[in-house]
N, C-alpha and C. Protein backbone atom coordinates (compact mmCIF):
# COMPACT_ATOMS: atom_id res chain seq x y z
N UNK A 1 70.76 3.86 -25.92
CA UNK A 1 71.51 4.75 -26.78
C UNK A 1 72.36 5.66 -25.90
N UNK A 2 73.57 5.87 -26.29
CA UNK A 2 74.48 6.77 -25.58
C UNK A 2 74.59 8.05 -26.38
N UNK A 3 74.55 9.19 -25.67
CA UNK A 3 74.66 10.49 -26.34
C UNK A 3 75.74 11.31 -25.64
N UNK A 4 76.00 12.48 -26.16
CA UNK A 4 77.09 13.32 -25.67
C UNK A 4 76.57 14.33 -24.65
N UNK A 5 77.29 14.47 -23.54
CA UNK A 5 77.03 15.49 -22.54
C UNK A 5 78.18 16.49 -22.65
N UNK A 6 77.86 17.80 -22.67
CA UNK A 6 78.90 18.81 -22.83
C UNK A 6 78.54 20.06 -22.05
N UNK A 7 79.48 20.97 -21.96
CA UNK A 7 79.28 22.22 -21.22
C UNK A 7 78.86 23.30 -22.21
N UNK A 8 77.82 24.06 -21.83
CA UNK A 8 77.33 25.18 -22.64
C UNK A 8 77.24 26.38 -21.71
N UNK A 9 78.22 27.28 -21.78
CA UNK A 9 78.29 28.37 -20.82
C UNK A 9 78.59 27.80 -19.45
N UNK A 10 77.77 28.16 -18.45
CA UNK A 10 77.94 27.61 -17.11
C UNK A 10 77.03 26.41 -16.86
N UNK A 11 76.33 25.95 -17.89
CA UNK A 11 75.38 24.84 -17.75
C UNK A 11 75.91 23.58 -18.42
N UNK A 12 75.32 22.47 -18.05
CA UNK A 12 75.61 21.20 -18.70
C UNK A 12 74.51 20.96 -19.73
N UNK A 13 74.86 20.46 -20.89
CA UNK A 13 73.89 20.22 -21.96
C UNK A 13 73.99 18.78 -22.45
N UNK A 14 72.90 18.31 -23.05
CA UNK A 14 72.86 16.95 -23.59
C UNK A 14 72.44 17.03 -25.04
N UNK A 15 73.16 16.35 -25.91
CA UNK A 15 72.80 16.30 -27.32
C UNK A 15 71.67 15.30 -27.48
N UNK A 16 70.51 15.76 -27.99
CA UNK A 16 69.36 14.88 -28.20
C UNK A 16 69.39 14.41 -29.65
N UNK A 17 69.45 13.10 -29.88
CA UNK A 17 69.49 12.59 -31.26
C UNK A 17 68.24 13.00 -32.05
N UNK A 18 68.40 13.11 -33.35
CA UNK A 18 67.34 13.56 -34.25
C UNK A 18 66.06 12.74 -34.10
N UNK A 19 66.18 11.43 -33.88
CA UNK A 19 64.97 10.60 -33.79
C UNK A 19 64.16 10.88 -32.52
N UNK A 20 64.74 11.60 -31.54
CA UNK A 20 64.02 11.97 -30.31
C UNK A 20 63.70 13.46 -30.27
N UNK A 21 63.71 14.12 -31.41
CA UNK A 21 63.50 15.57 -31.50
C UNK A 21 62.20 15.98 -30.79
N UNK A 22 62.29 17.05 -30.00
CA UNK A 22 61.13 17.60 -29.30
C UNK A 22 60.47 18.67 -30.14
N UNK A 23 59.15 18.78 -30.05
CA UNK A 23 58.44 19.87 -30.73
C UNK A 23 58.56 21.12 -29.87
N UNK A 24 58.58 22.27 -30.50
CA UNK A 24 58.63 23.53 -29.76
C UNK A 24 60.03 23.87 -29.28
N UNK A 25 60.08 24.91 -28.43
CA UNK A 25 61.37 25.40 -27.95
C UNK A 25 61.53 25.28 -26.44
N UNK A 26 60.52 24.74 -25.74
CA UNK A 26 60.59 24.61 -24.29
C UNK A 26 60.26 23.18 -23.88
N UNK A 27 60.83 22.77 -22.73
CA UNK A 27 60.56 21.43 -22.21
C UNK A 27 60.59 21.48 -20.68
N UNK A 28 59.83 20.59 -20.05
CA UNK A 28 59.91 20.39 -18.61
C UNK A 28 61.06 19.42 -18.36
N UNK A 29 61.81 19.65 -17.29
CA UNK A 29 62.87 18.71 -16.92
C UNK A 29 62.73 18.43 -15.43
N UNK A 30 62.82 17.16 -15.06
CA UNK A 30 62.73 16.80 -13.65
C UNK A 30 63.64 15.60 -13.40
N UNK A 31 64.00 15.45 -12.14
CA UNK A 31 64.87 14.34 -11.76
C UNK A 31 64.08 13.39 -10.88
N UNK A 32 64.11 12.11 -11.20
CA UNK A 32 63.50 11.07 -10.39
C UNK A 32 64.59 10.06 -10.05
N UNK A 33 64.99 10.05 -8.79
CA UNK A 33 66.11 9.21 -8.32
C UNK A 33 67.33 9.49 -9.17
N UNK A 34 67.81 8.54 -9.94
CA UNK A 34 69.02 8.78 -10.75
C UNK A 34 68.70 9.01 -12.23
N UNK A 35 67.44 9.35 -12.55
CA UNK A 35 67.05 9.57 -13.94
C UNK A 35 66.66 11.03 -14.15
N UNK A 36 66.95 11.55 -15.32
CA UNK A 36 66.51 12.89 -15.73
C UNK A 36 65.47 12.70 -16.82
N UNK A 37 64.28 13.30 -16.63
CA UNK A 37 63.18 13.12 -17.57
C UNK A 37 62.86 14.46 -18.21
N UNK A 38 62.83 14.49 -19.54
CA UNK A 38 62.53 15.70 -20.31
C UNK A 38 61.22 15.48 -21.05
N UNK A 39 60.27 16.42 -20.88
CA UNK A 39 58.94 16.30 -21.49
C UNK A 39 58.62 17.58 -22.26
N UNK A 40 58.16 17.48 -23.51
CA UNK A 40 57.78 18.69 -24.26
C UNK A 40 56.65 19.44 -23.56
N UNK A 41 56.73 20.77 -23.53
CA UNK A 41 55.71 21.59 -22.88
C UNK A 41 54.39 21.55 -23.64
N UNK A 42 54.40 21.67 -24.95
CA UNK A 42 53.17 21.76 -25.74
C UNK A 42 52.26 20.56 -25.53
N UNK A 43 52.82 19.38 -25.40
CA UNK A 43 52.00 18.18 -25.27
C UNK A 43 51.17 18.17 -23.99
N UNK A 44 51.62 18.85 -22.95
CA UNK A 44 50.89 18.85 -21.69
C UNK A 44 49.49 19.43 -21.88
N UNK A 45 49.35 20.56 -22.55
CA UNK A 45 48.04 21.19 -22.75
C UNK A 45 47.19 20.38 -23.72
N UNK A 46 47.80 19.88 -24.78
CA UNK A 46 47.05 19.08 -25.75
C UNK A 46 46.42 17.87 -25.08
N UNK A 47 47.19 17.20 -24.23
CA UNK A 47 46.68 16.02 -23.52
C UNK A 47 45.55 16.40 -22.57
N UNK A 48 45.69 17.53 -21.89
CA UNK A 48 44.64 17.98 -20.98
C UNK A 48 43.34 18.23 -21.73
N UNK A 49 43.41 18.96 -22.83
CA UNK A 49 42.19 19.27 -23.59
C UNK A 49 41.56 18.02 -24.19
N UNK A 50 42.38 17.07 -24.61
CA UNK A 50 41.84 15.81 -25.13
C UNK A 50 41.08 15.06 -24.04
N UNK A 51 41.62 15.03 -22.83
CA UNK A 51 40.95 14.35 -21.72
C UNK A 51 39.67 15.08 -21.33
N UNK A 52 39.69 16.41 -21.34
CA UNK A 52 38.49 17.18 -20.99
C UNK A 52 37.36 16.95 -21.99
N UNK A 53 37.71 16.79 -23.27
CA UNK A 53 36.70 16.53 -24.29
C UNK A 53 36.03 15.17 -24.10
N UNK A 54 36.73 14.24 -23.46
CA UNK A 54 36.17 12.91 -23.22
C UNK A 54 35.09 12.92 -22.13
N UNK A 55 35.12 13.92 -21.26
CA UNK A 55 34.13 13.98 -20.19
C UNK A 55 32.74 14.24 -20.75
N UNK A 56 31.77 13.60 -20.18
CA UNK A 56 30.38 13.82 -20.59
C UNK A 56 29.85 15.03 -19.82
N UNK A 57 29.70 16.15 -20.49
CA UNK A 57 29.27 17.38 -19.84
C UNK A 57 27.86 17.29 -19.28
N UNK A 58 27.01 16.46 -19.84
CA UNK A 58 25.63 16.34 -19.38
C UNK A 58 25.56 15.76 -17.97
N UNK A 59 26.46 14.86 -17.62
CA UNK A 59 26.42 14.20 -16.33
C UNK A 59 27.34 14.84 -15.29
N UNK A 60 27.89 15.98 -15.60
CA UNK A 60 28.83 16.63 -14.69
C UNK A 60 28.14 16.99 -13.38
N UNK A 61 28.60 16.43 -12.30
CA UNK A 61 28.07 16.65 -10.94
C UNK A 61 26.59 16.29 -10.79
N UNK A 62 26.08 15.41 -11.63
CA UNK A 62 24.67 15.05 -11.59
C UNK A 62 24.28 14.43 -10.25
N UNK A 63 25.12 13.59 -9.71
CA UNK A 63 24.79 12.87 -8.49
C UNK A 63 25.25 13.58 -7.22
N UNK A 64 25.69 14.79 -7.32
CA UNK A 64 26.19 15.51 -6.14
C UNK A 64 25.00 16.00 -5.32
N UNK A 65 25.03 15.70 -4.02
CA UNK A 65 23.96 16.19 -3.15
C UNK A 65 24.38 17.54 -2.58
N UNK A 66 23.61 18.54 -2.85
CA UNK A 66 23.91 19.90 -2.43
C UNK A 66 23.14 20.20 -1.14
N UNK A 67 23.83 20.58 -0.06
CA UNK A 67 23.11 20.93 1.17
C UNK A 67 22.32 22.22 0.98
N UNK A 68 21.30 22.39 1.82
CA UNK A 68 20.49 23.61 1.75
C UNK A 68 21.26 24.81 2.26
N UNK A 69 20.68 26.00 2.13
CA UNK A 69 21.37 27.21 2.59
C UNK A 69 21.54 27.20 4.11
N UNK A 70 22.62 27.78 4.58
CA UNK A 70 22.89 27.85 6.01
C UNK A 70 22.13 29.01 6.63
N UNK A 71 21.65 28.79 7.85
CA UNK A 71 21.03 29.87 8.62
C UNK A 71 22.14 30.63 9.33
N UNK A 72 22.18 31.93 9.16
CA UNK A 72 23.22 32.75 9.79
C UNK A 72 22.59 33.96 10.44
N UNK A 73 23.24 34.41 11.51
CA UNK A 73 22.79 35.63 12.19
C UNK A 73 23.36 36.84 11.47
N UNK A 74 22.57 37.90 11.40
CA UNK A 74 23.07 39.14 10.84
C UNK A 74 23.89 39.85 11.90
N UNK A 75 24.81 40.67 11.50
CA UNK A 75 25.64 41.41 12.46
C UNK A 75 24.83 42.31 13.31
């Protein structure tokens, strides 16, 4: 799909078609080689919390071997 690029003040702007509408009022923008990628900000936190809920809290660090306390000299 081709869209319109135009000047808005001193910045360049891109018209985003209605079918690609972003939720919210902020977005992350980054450049990878010759591509510009725009990602909605709100989705980042939602995805993080969804992934955290998938973790089994009962087994968190269950197999971690913890070393004993260190012997230290007092000053």
